[in-house]
Amino acid sequence: MPAPPFLTKINEIMKLLAKYILFISIITLLTNCGDPEPTPQAVDQTLATIEALSKTWSPSQVTLDGANVSADWSGVSFSFTQNKSFTVSGLSTENSLIWPSTGTYSFPDANKPLKILRNDGIEITLNNLTDTSVDVSFVITGRTGGRAAGLSGSYKFSFSK
């Protein structure tokens, strides 16, 4: 015997309601996922980082996997701006494989203002950032072929003003 019409209608309404609840649940999950909002302290620190970094720097020491390679960076200068861009002058062809002559940077995690991401995908950690000096470190991996393979490794630049 077929179900009475009012039960069929209730069944249709329940199915529609279940779809609606599922849809709202998915939307809620998607909008709540992602990066947390930056704390006010992180926003202040990010602005302070941009301000302190925005000047022209000279590398006083450069290491690759702990070995001093400062001589390879003699005469190079790094200029960072308030609009989160940089230019590097005096680069050799080999050095431009490590640090491009121009680019931009961002803060991949708004709550970690001492980690910046170059537009070429290299994440850089800033240490001891003052008005007159900063240490930056990053790792380059995945380089293959000839001399480029020898450029992979852990870099540390000590910049001074």
N, C-alpha and C. Protein backbone atom coordinates (compact mmCIF):
# COMPACT_ATOMS: atom_id res chain seq x y z
N MET A 1 0.83 -1.17 0.00
CA MET A 1 0.00 0.00 0.00
C MET A 1 0.88 1.24 0.00
N PRO A 2 0.65 2.20 -0.91
CA PRO A 2 1.48 3.41 -0.98
C PRO A 2 1.28 4.29 0.26
N ALA A 3 2.36 5.07 0.57
CA ALA A 3 2.30 5.99 1.70
C ALA A 3 1.28 7.09 1.43
N PRO A 4 0.63 7.55 2.49
CA PRO A 4 -0.31 8.65 2.30
C PRO A 4 0.42 9.88 1.76
N PRO A 5 -0.27 10.74 1.00
CA PRO A 5 0.37 11.93 0.38
C PRO A 5 1.05 12.86 1.37
N PHE A 6 0.47 13.03 2.57
CA PHE A 6 1.09 13.95 3.51
C PHE A 6 2.45 13.42 3.99
N LEU A 7 2.62 12.09 4.10
CA LEU A 7 3.92 11.52 4.48
C LEU A 7 4.95 11.69 3.36
N THR A 8 4.51 11.57 2.12
CA THR A 8 5.40 11.79 0.98
C THR A 8 5.88 13.23 0.99
N LYS A 9 4.99 14.16 1.27
CA LYS A 9 5.36 15.58 1.31
C LYS A 9 6.35 15.86 2.45
N ILE A 10 6.10 15.25 3.62
CA ILE A 10 7.00 15.42 4.76
C ILE A 10 8.38 14.84 4.42
N ASN A 11 8.42 13.71 3.76
CA ASN A 11 9.67 13.09 3.35
C ASN A 11 10.46 14.00 2.41
N GLU A 12 9.77 14.64 1.47
CA GLU A 12 10.43 15.57 0.54
C GLU A 12 10.98 16.78 1.28
N ILE A 13 10.21 17.28 2.25
CA ILE A 13 10.65 18.45 3.04
C ILE A 13 11.89 18.07 3.87
N MET A 14 11.90 16.87 4.46
CA MET A 14 13.04 16.43 5.26
C MET A 14 14.30 16.29 4.41
N LYS A 15 14.15 15.76 3.20
CA LYS A 15 15.29 15.64 2.30
C LYS A 15 15.83 17.02 1.93
N LEU A 16 14.94 17.96 1.63
CA LEU A 16 15.34 19.32 1.29
C LEU A 16 16.03 19.98 2.48
N LEU A 17 15.48 19.78 3.68
CA LEU A 17 16.08 20.35 4.88
C LEU A 17 17.47 19.76 5.12
N ALA A 18 17.64 18.45 4.91
CA ALA A 18 18.94 17.81 5.09
C ALA A 18 19.97 18.39 4.11
N LYS A 19 19.57 18.62 2.85
CA LYS A 19 20.47 19.22 1.87
C LYS A 19 20.84 20.64 2.28
N TYR A 20 19.88 21.40 2.77
CA TYR A 20 20.12 22.77 3.20
C TYR A 20 21.12 22.79 4.36
N ILE A 21 20.92 21.90 5.35
CA ILE A 21 21.82 21.85 6.50
C ILE A 21 23.22 21.44 6.06
N LEU A 22 23.33 20.48 5.16
CA LEU A 22 24.63 20.08 4.63
C LEU A 22 25.31 21.24 3.92
N PHE A 23 24.57 21.97 3.10
CA PHE A 23 25.12 23.11 2.38
C PHE A 23 25.63 24.18 3.35
N ILE A 24 24.84 24.51 4.35
CA ILE A 24 25.24 25.52 5.34
C ILE A 24 26.46 25.03 6.12
N SER A 25 26.52 23.76 6.45
CA SER A 25 27.67 23.21 7.18
C SER A 25 28.94 23.33 6.36
N ILE A 26 28.87 23.01 5.09
CA ILE A 26 30.05 23.10 4.22
C ILE A 26 30.51 24.54 4.10
N ILE A 27 29.58 25.45 3.88
CA ILE A 27 29.94 26.88 3.78
C ILE A 27 30.58 27.35 5.08
N THR A 28 30.04 26.96 6.20
CA THR A 28 30.59 27.36 7.49
C THR A 28 32.01 26.83 7.67
N LEU A 29 32.22 25.57 7.32
CA LEU A 29 33.56 25.00 7.43
C LEU A 29 34.56 25.71 6.53
N LEU A 30 34.14 26.00 5.30
CA LEU A 30 35.05 26.65 4.36
C LEU A 30 35.40 28.07 4.79
N THR A 31 34.45 28.79 5.33
CA THR A 31 34.73 30.17 5.73
C THR A 31 35.52 30.24 7.02
N ASN A 32 35.49 29.19 7.83
CA ASN A 32 36.24 29.20 9.07
C ASN A 32 37.63 28.60 8.93
N CYS A 33 37.96 28.02 7.79
CA CYS A 33 39.29 27.48 7.55
C CYS A 33 40.20 28.58 7.03
N GLY A 34 41.48 28.38 7.15
CA GLY A 34 42.42 29.36 6.60
C GLY A 34 43.25 29.99 7.69
N ASP A 35 43.96 31.03 7.31
CA ASP A 35 44.86 31.69 8.23
C ASP A 35 44.08 32.44 9.30
N PRO A 36 44.58 32.39 10.52
CA PRO A 36 43.92 33.17 11.57
C PRO A 36 44.17 34.65 11.33
N GLU A 37 43.28 35.45 11.86
CA GLU A 37 43.46 36.89 11.76
C GLU A 37 44.72 37.28 12.53
N PRO A 38 45.48 38.23 11.99
CA PRO A 38 46.68 38.66 12.72
C PRO A 38 46.30 39.37 14.01
N THR A 39 47.09 39.13 15.03
CA THR A 39 46.87 39.83 16.28
C THR A 39 47.31 41.29 16.12
N PRO A 40 46.79 42.18 16.93
CA PRO A 40 47.24 43.59 16.84
C PRO A 40 48.75 43.73 17.01
N GLN A 41 49.34 42.90 17.88
CA GLN A 41 50.79 42.96 18.09
C GLN A 41 51.52 42.53 16.82
N ALA A 42 51.00 41.52 16.12
CA ALA A 42 51.64 41.06 14.88
C ALA A 42 51.54 42.12 13.80
N VAL A 43 50.41 42.82 13.74
CA VAL A 43 50.25 43.90 12.75
C VAL A 43 51.27 44.99 13.04
N ASP A 44 51.39 45.37 14.31
CA ASP A 44 52.38 46.39 14.69
C ASP A 44 53.80 45.93 14.35
N GLN A 45 54.11 44.66 14.63
CA GLN A 45 55.44 44.13 14.36
C GLN A 45 55.71 44.06 12.85
N THR A 46 54.68 43.71 12.07
CA THR A 46 54.84 43.67 10.61
C THR A 46 55.18 45.06 10.08
N LEU A 47 54.45 46.05 10.55
CA LEU A 47 54.75 47.43 10.12
C LEU A 47 56.15 47.85 10.56
N ALA A 48 56.53 47.46 11.76
CA ALA A 48 57.88 47.78 12.25
C ALA A 48 58.94 47.05 11.41
N THR A 49 58.65 45.82 11.01
CA THR A 49 59.58 45.06 10.17
C THR A 49 59.77 45.75 8.83
N ILE A 50 58.66 46.15 8.21
CA ILE A 50 58.75 46.84 6.92
C ILE A 50 59.56 48.12 7.06
N GLU A 51 59.28 48.87 8.11
CA GLU A 51 59.98 50.14 8.35
C GLU A 51 61.48 49.91 8.55
N ALA A 52 61.83 48.95 9.40
CA ALA A 52 63.25 48.71 9.70
C ALA A 52 63.99 48.13 8.50
N LEU A 53 63.31 47.33 7.70
CA LEU A 53 63.96 46.69 6.55
C LEU A 53 64.12 47.65 5.37
N SER A 54 63.32 48.70 5.34
CA SER A 54 63.28 49.61 4.18
C SER A 54 64.46 50.57 4.16
N LYS A 55 65.55 50.07 3.64
CA LYS A 55 66.76 50.88 3.45
C LYS A 55 67.71 50.09 2.56
N THR A 56 68.87 50.64 2.31
CA THR A 56 69.87 49.95 1.50
C THR A 56 70.87 49.28 2.43
N TRP A 57 71.11 48.00 2.19
CA TRP A 57 71.97 47.19 3.03
C TRP A 57 73.15 46.65 2.24
N SER A 58 74.25 46.44 2.93
CA SER A 58 75.43 45.77 2.35
C SER A 58 75.67 44.50 3.13
N PRO A 59 75.96 43.41 2.43
CA PRO A 59 76.26 42.18 3.16
C PRO A 59 77.65 42.26 3.80
N SER A 60 77.69 42.12 5.12
CA SER A 60 78.99 42.13 5.81
C SER A 60 79.55 40.72 5.91
N GLN A 61 78.67 39.72 5.89
CA GLN A 61 79.11 38.33 5.87
C GLN A 61 78.03 37.49 5.20
N VAL A 62 78.45 36.55 4.37
CA VAL A 62 77.54 35.62 3.71
C VAL A 62 78.10 34.22 3.87
N THR A 63 77.26 33.29 4.31
CA THR A 63 77.70 31.91 4.41
C THR A 63 76.75 31.00 3.62
N LEU A 64 77.32 29.94 3.10
CA LEU A 64 76.57 28.88 2.41
C LEU A 64 76.91 27.59 3.13
N ASP A 65 75.92 27.01 3.78
CA ASP A 65 76.13 25.79 4.58
C ASP A 65 77.28 25.97 5.57
N GLY A 66 77.38 27.17 6.15
CA GLY A 66 78.38 27.47 7.16
C GLY A 66 79.73 27.93 6.62
N ALA A 67 79.96 27.79 5.31
CA ALA A 67 81.24 28.22 4.73
C ALA A 67 81.14 29.69 4.31
N ASN A 68 82.17 30.44 4.61
CA ASN A 68 82.18 31.86 4.28
C ASN A 68 82.31 32.06 2.77
N VAL A 69 81.31 32.71 2.17
CA VAL A 69 81.34 33.03 0.74
C VAL A 69 81.17 34.54 0.53
N SER A 70 81.58 35.31 1.53
CA SER A 70 81.40 36.77 1.49
C SER A 70 82.08 37.41 0.29
N ALA A 71 83.23 36.92 -0.11
CA ALA A 71 83.95 37.51 -1.24
C ALA A 71 83.12 37.48 -2.52
N ASP A 72 82.24 36.48 -2.66
CA ASP A 72 81.39 36.40 -3.84
C ASP A 72 80.33 37.49 -3.89
N TRP A 73 80.10 38.16 -2.74
CA TRP A 73 79.05 39.18 -2.64
C TRP A 73 79.63 40.57 -2.43
N SER A 74 80.91 40.73 -2.66
CA SER A 74 81.56 42.03 -2.52
C SER A 74 80.98 43.01 -3.55
N GLY A 75 80.64 44.20 -3.10
CA GLY A 75 80.11 45.23 -3.99
C GLY A 75 78.62 45.12 -4.29
N VAL A 76 77.95 44.18 -3.66
CA VAL A 76 76.51 44.01 -3.88
C VAL A 76 75.76 44.81 -2.81
N SER A 77 74.67 45.46 -3.21
CA SER A 77 73.83 46.17 -2.24
C SER A 77 72.37 45.78 -2.46
N PHE A 78 71.64 45.72 -1.35
CA PHE A 78 70.24 45.30 -1.32
C PHE A 78 69.40 46.48 -0.83
N SER A 79 68.41 46.87 -1.61
CA SER A 79 67.53 47.97 -1.22
C SER A 79 66.10 47.45 -1.09
N PHE A 80 65.53 47.63 0.09
CA PHE A 80 64.15 47.26 0.36
C PHE A 80 63.32 48.53 0.50
N THR A 81 62.07 48.47 0.06
CA THR A 81 61.20 49.66 0.11
C THR A 81 59.98 49.42 0.98
N GLN A 82 59.28 50.52 1.29
CA GLN A 82 58.05 50.47 2.09
C GLN A 82 56.94 49.68 1.39
N ASN A 83 56.97 49.60 0.06
CA ASN A 83 55.91 48.88 -0.65
C ASN A 83 56.25 47.40 -0.84
N LYS A 84 57.14 46.89 0.00
CA LYS A 84 57.54 45.48 0.04
C LYS A 84 58.13 45.00 -1.28
N SER A 85 59.02 45.79 -1.82
CA SER A 85 59.78 45.38 -3.00
C SER A 85 61.26 45.52 -2.69
N PHE A 86 62.08 44.95 -3.56
CA PHE A 86 63.53 45.05 -3.36
C PHE A 86 64.22 45.13 -4.71
N THR A 87 65.40 45.73 -4.69
CA THR A 87 66.31 45.71 -5.84
C THR A 87 67.70 45.37 -5.30
N VAL A 88 68.44 44.65 -6.11
CA VAL A 88 69.80 44.27 -5.73
C VAL A 88 70.72 44.71 -6.85
N SER A 89 71.73 45.47 -6.51
CA SER A 89 72.67 45.93 -7.53
C SER A 89 74.03 45.28 -7.31
N GLY A 90 74.78 45.17 -8.40
CA GLY A 90 76.12 44.61 -8.33
C GLY A 90 76.16 43.09 -8.37
N LEU A 91 75.05 42.46 -8.76
CA LEU A 91 74.99 41.00 -8.78
C LEU A 91 75.77 40.41 -9.95
N SER A 92 76.43 39.32 -9.70
CA SER A 92 77.01 38.54 -10.79
C SER A 92 75.91 37.63 -11.34
N THR A 93 76.14 37.03 -12.47
CA THR A 93 75.16 36.11 -13.05
C THR A 93 74.88 34.97 -12.09
N GLU A 94 75.90 34.46 -11.46
CA GLU A 94 75.73 33.36 -10.51
C GLU A 94 74.92 33.79 -9.29
N ASN A 95 75.22 34.98 -8.76
CA ASN A 95 74.49 35.47 -7.59
C ASN A 95 73.01 35.72 -7.90
N SER A 96 72.71 36.08 -9.13
CA SER A 96 71.31 36.32 -9.48
C SER A 96 70.49 35.02 -9.47
N LEU A 97 71.17 33.88 -9.46
CA LEU A 97 70.47 32.60 -9.31
C LEU A 97 70.09 32.35 -7.84
N ILE A 98 70.72 33.09 -6.95
CA ILE A 98 70.45 32.95 -5.52
C ILE A 98 69.49 34.04 -5.05
N TRP A 99 69.70 35.24 -5.55
CA TRP A 99 68.85 36.36 -5.17
C TRP A 99 68.59 37.18 -6.43
N PRO A 100 67.33 37.28 -6.89
CA PRO A 100 67.04 38.03 -8.12
C PRO A 100 67.32 39.52 -7.94
N SER A 101 67.55 40.20 -9.03
CA SER A 101 67.90 41.63 -8.96
C SER A 101 66.71 42.51 -8.58
N THR A 102 65.51 42.06 -8.83
CA THR A 102 64.31 42.81 -8.41
C THR A 102 63.24 41.82 -7.98
N GLY A 103 62.34 42.28 -7.17
CA GLY A 103 61.23 41.44 -6.75
C GLY A 103 60.43 42.07 -5.64
N THR A 104 59.54 41.29 -5.11
CA THR A 104 58.69 41.73 -4.01
C THR A 104 58.74 40.68 -2.91
N TYR A 105 58.20 41.05 -1.77
CA TYR A 105 58.09 40.08 -0.68
C TYR A 105 56.76 40.28 0.02
N SER A 106 56.34 39.24 0.72
CA SER A 106 55.09 39.29 1.48
C SER A 106 55.32 38.58 2.80
N PHE A 107 54.29 38.60 3.62
CA PHE A 107 54.32 37.92 4.91
C PHE A 107 53.37 36.73 4.82
N PRO A 108 53.89 35.51 4.65
CA PRO A 108 53.01 34.35 4.43
C PRO A 108 52.14 34.01 5.63
N ASP A 109 52.58 34.36 6.84
CA ASP A 109 51.80 34.13 8.05
C ASP A 109 51.74 35.46 8.78
N ALA A 110 50.56 36.05 8.80
CA ALA A 110 50.40 37.38 9.38
C ALA A 110 50.81 37.44 10.85
N ASN A 111 50.85 36.30 11.51
CA ASN A 111 51.25 36.29 12.91
C ASN A 111 52.73 35.98 13.12
N LYS A 112 53.49 35.91 12.03
CA LYS A 112 54.94 35.70 12.12
C LYS A 112 55.64 36.76 11.26
N PRO A 113 55.72 37.99 11.78
CA PRO A 113 56.23 39.10 10.98
C PRO A 113 57.73 39.08 10.70
N LEU A 114 58.44 38.08 11.19
CA LEU A 114 59.87 37.98 10.88
C LEU A 114 60.14 36.87 9.87
N LYS A 115 59.12 36.42 9.19
CA LYS A 115 59.23 35.47 8.08
C LYS A 115 58.64 36.16 6.86
N ILE A 116 59.47 36.31 5.84
CA ILE A 116 58.97 36.91 4.60
C ILE A 116 59.12 35.90 3.47
N LEU A 117 58.32 36.10 2.45
CA LEU A 117 58.33 35.21 1.30
C LEU A 117 58.63 36.04 0.07
N ARG A 118 59.78 35.74 -0.57
CA ARG A 118 60.10 36.42 -1.83
C ARG A 118 59.13 35.94 -2.89
N ASN A 119 58.93 36.76 -3.91
CA ASN A 119 58.00 36.39 -4.98
C ASN A 119 58.47 35.20 -5.80
N ASP A 120 59.72 34.77 -5.62
CA ASP A 120 60.19 33.57 -6.31
C ASP A 120 60.00 32.31 -5.46
N GLY A 121 59.30 32.45 -4.32
CA GLY A 121 58.96 31.30 -3.50
C GLY A 121 59.94 30.98 -2.39
N ILE A 122 60.99 31.76 -2.23
CA ILE A 122 61.97 31.51 -1.17
C ILE A 122 61.50 32.18 0.12
N GLU A 123 61.36 31.38 1.19
CA GLU A 123 60.98 31.92 2.49
C GLU A 123 62.24 32.32 3.25
N ILE A 124 62.21 33.53 3.78
CA ILE A 124 63.37 34.11 4.45
C ILE A 124 63.02 34.39 5.90
N THR A 125 63.93 34.02 6.79
CA THR A 125 63.77 34.33 8.21
C THR A 125 64.66 35.52 8.53
N LEU A 126 64.08 36.50 9.20
CA LEU A 126 64.83 37.68 9.64
C LEU A 126 65.18 37.50 11.11
N ASN A 127 66.43 37.76 11.45
CA ASN A 127 66.89 37.67 12.84
C ASN A 127 67.63 38.93 13.20
N ASN A 128 67.51 39.32 14.45
CA ASN A 128 68.27 40.45 14.99
C ASN A 128 68.08 41.71 14.15
N LEU A 129 66.86 42.01 13.75
CA LEU A 129 66.58 43.19 12.94
C LEU A 129 66.64 44.45 13.78
N THR A 130 67.60 45.32 13.44
CA THR A 130 67.73 46.62 14.10
C THR A 130 67.79 47.68 13.02
N ASP A 131 67.97 48.92 13.42
CA ASP A 131 68.09 50.00 12.44
C ASP A 131 69.39 49.91 11.64
N THR A 132 70.39 49.19 12.15
CA THR A 132 71.68 49.15 11.48
C THR A 132 72.13 47.78 11.02
N SER A 133 71.41 46.73 11.37
CA SER A 133 71.82 45.40 10.94
C SER A 133 70.65 44.42 10.96
N VAL A 134 70.81 43.36 10.19
CA VAL A 134 69.83 42.26 10.17
C VAL A 134 70.52 41.02 9.61
N ASP A 135 70.15 39.88 10.15
CA ASP A 135 70.60 38.61 9.61
C ASP A 135 69.41 37.98 8.89
N VAL A 136 69.62 37.53 7.68
CA VAL A 136 68.57 36.84 6.94
C VAL A 136 69.07 35.45 6.57
N SER A 137 68.19 34.48 6.67
CA SER A 137 68.58 33.12 6.33
C SER A 137 67.48 32.47 5.50
N PHE A 138 67.90 31.61 4.60
CA PHE A 138 66.97 30.89 3.74
C PHE A 138 67.67 29.67 3.17
N VAL A 139 66.88 28.79 2.62
CA VAL A 139 67.40 27.56 2.03
C VAL A 139 66.95 27.50 0.58
N ILE A 140 67.89 27.15 -0.29
CA ILE A 140 67.57 26.93 -1.70
C ILE A 140 67.76 25.44 -1.97
N THR A 141 66.73 24.82 -2.49
CA THR A 141 66.80 23.39 -2.81
C THR A 141 66.32 23.17 -4.24
N GLY A 142 66.58 21.97 -4.70
CA GLY A 142 66.03 21.56 -5.99
C GLY A 142 66.75 22.10 -7.21
N ARG A 143 67.88 22.71 -7.05
CA ARG A 143 68.63 23.19 -8.21
C ARG A 143 69.37 22.02 -8.83
N THR A 144 69.31 21.89 -10.14
CA THR A 144 69.99 20.79 -10.82
C THR A 144 70.81 21.32 -11.97
N GLY A 145 71.78 20.55 -12.37
CA GLY A 145 72.56 20.87 -13.56
C GLY A 145 73.72 21.81 -13.30
N GLY A 146 74.91 21.32 -13.49
CA GLY A 146 76.11 22.15 -13.46
C GLY A 146 76.27 22.95 -12.20
N ARG A 147 76.66 24.20 -12.37
CA ARG A 147 76.93 25.08 -11.24
C ARG A 147 75.69 25.37 -10.41
N ALA A 148 74.50 25.38 -11.05
CA ALA A 148 73.27 25.66 -10.31
C ALA A 148 73.07 24.68 -9.17
N ALA A 149 73.45 23.42 -9.38
CA ALA A 149 73.32 22.41 -8.32
C ALA A 149 74.20 22.78 -7.13
N GLY A 150 75.33 23.42 -7.37
CA GLY A 150 76.23 23.83 -6.30
C GLY A 150 75.74 25.04 -5.53
N LEU A 151 74.69 25.66 -6.02
CA LEU A 151 74.16 26.84 -5.34
C LEU A 151 73.09 26.47 -4.31
N SER A 152 72.66 25.22 -4.29
CA SER A 152 71.69 24.78 -3.31
C SER A 152 72.33 24.75 -1.94
N GLY A 153 71.54 25.06 -0.94
CA GLY A 153 72.05 24.99 0.42
C GLY A 153 71.42 26.02 1.32
N SER A 154 71.96 26.12 2.51
CA SER A 154 71.46 27.02 3.54
C SER A 154 72.30 28.31 3.54
N TYR A 155 71.65 29.42 3.26
CA TYR A 155 72.33 30.72 3.18
C TYR A 155 72.03 31.56 4.40
N LYS A 156 73.03 32.31 4.82
CA LYS A 156 72.85 33.30 5.87
C LYS A 156 73.59 34.57 5.43
N PHE A 157 72.85 35.66 5.39
CA PHE A 157 73.40 36.96 5.05
C PHE A 157 73.34 37.83 6.29
N SER A 158 74.45 38.42 6.65
CA SER A 158 74.47 39.44 7.71
C SER A 158 74.58 40.77 7.01
N PHE A 159 73.51 41.56 7.07
CA PHE A 159 73.48 42.87 6.42
C PHE A 159 73.80 43.96 7.45
N SER A 160 74.49 44.98 6.97
CA SER A 160 74.72 46.15 7.81
C SER A 160 74.37 47.39 7.03
N LYS A 161 74.08 48.42 7.71
CA LYS A 161 73.72 49.70 7.11
C LYS A 161 74.94 50.54 6.97
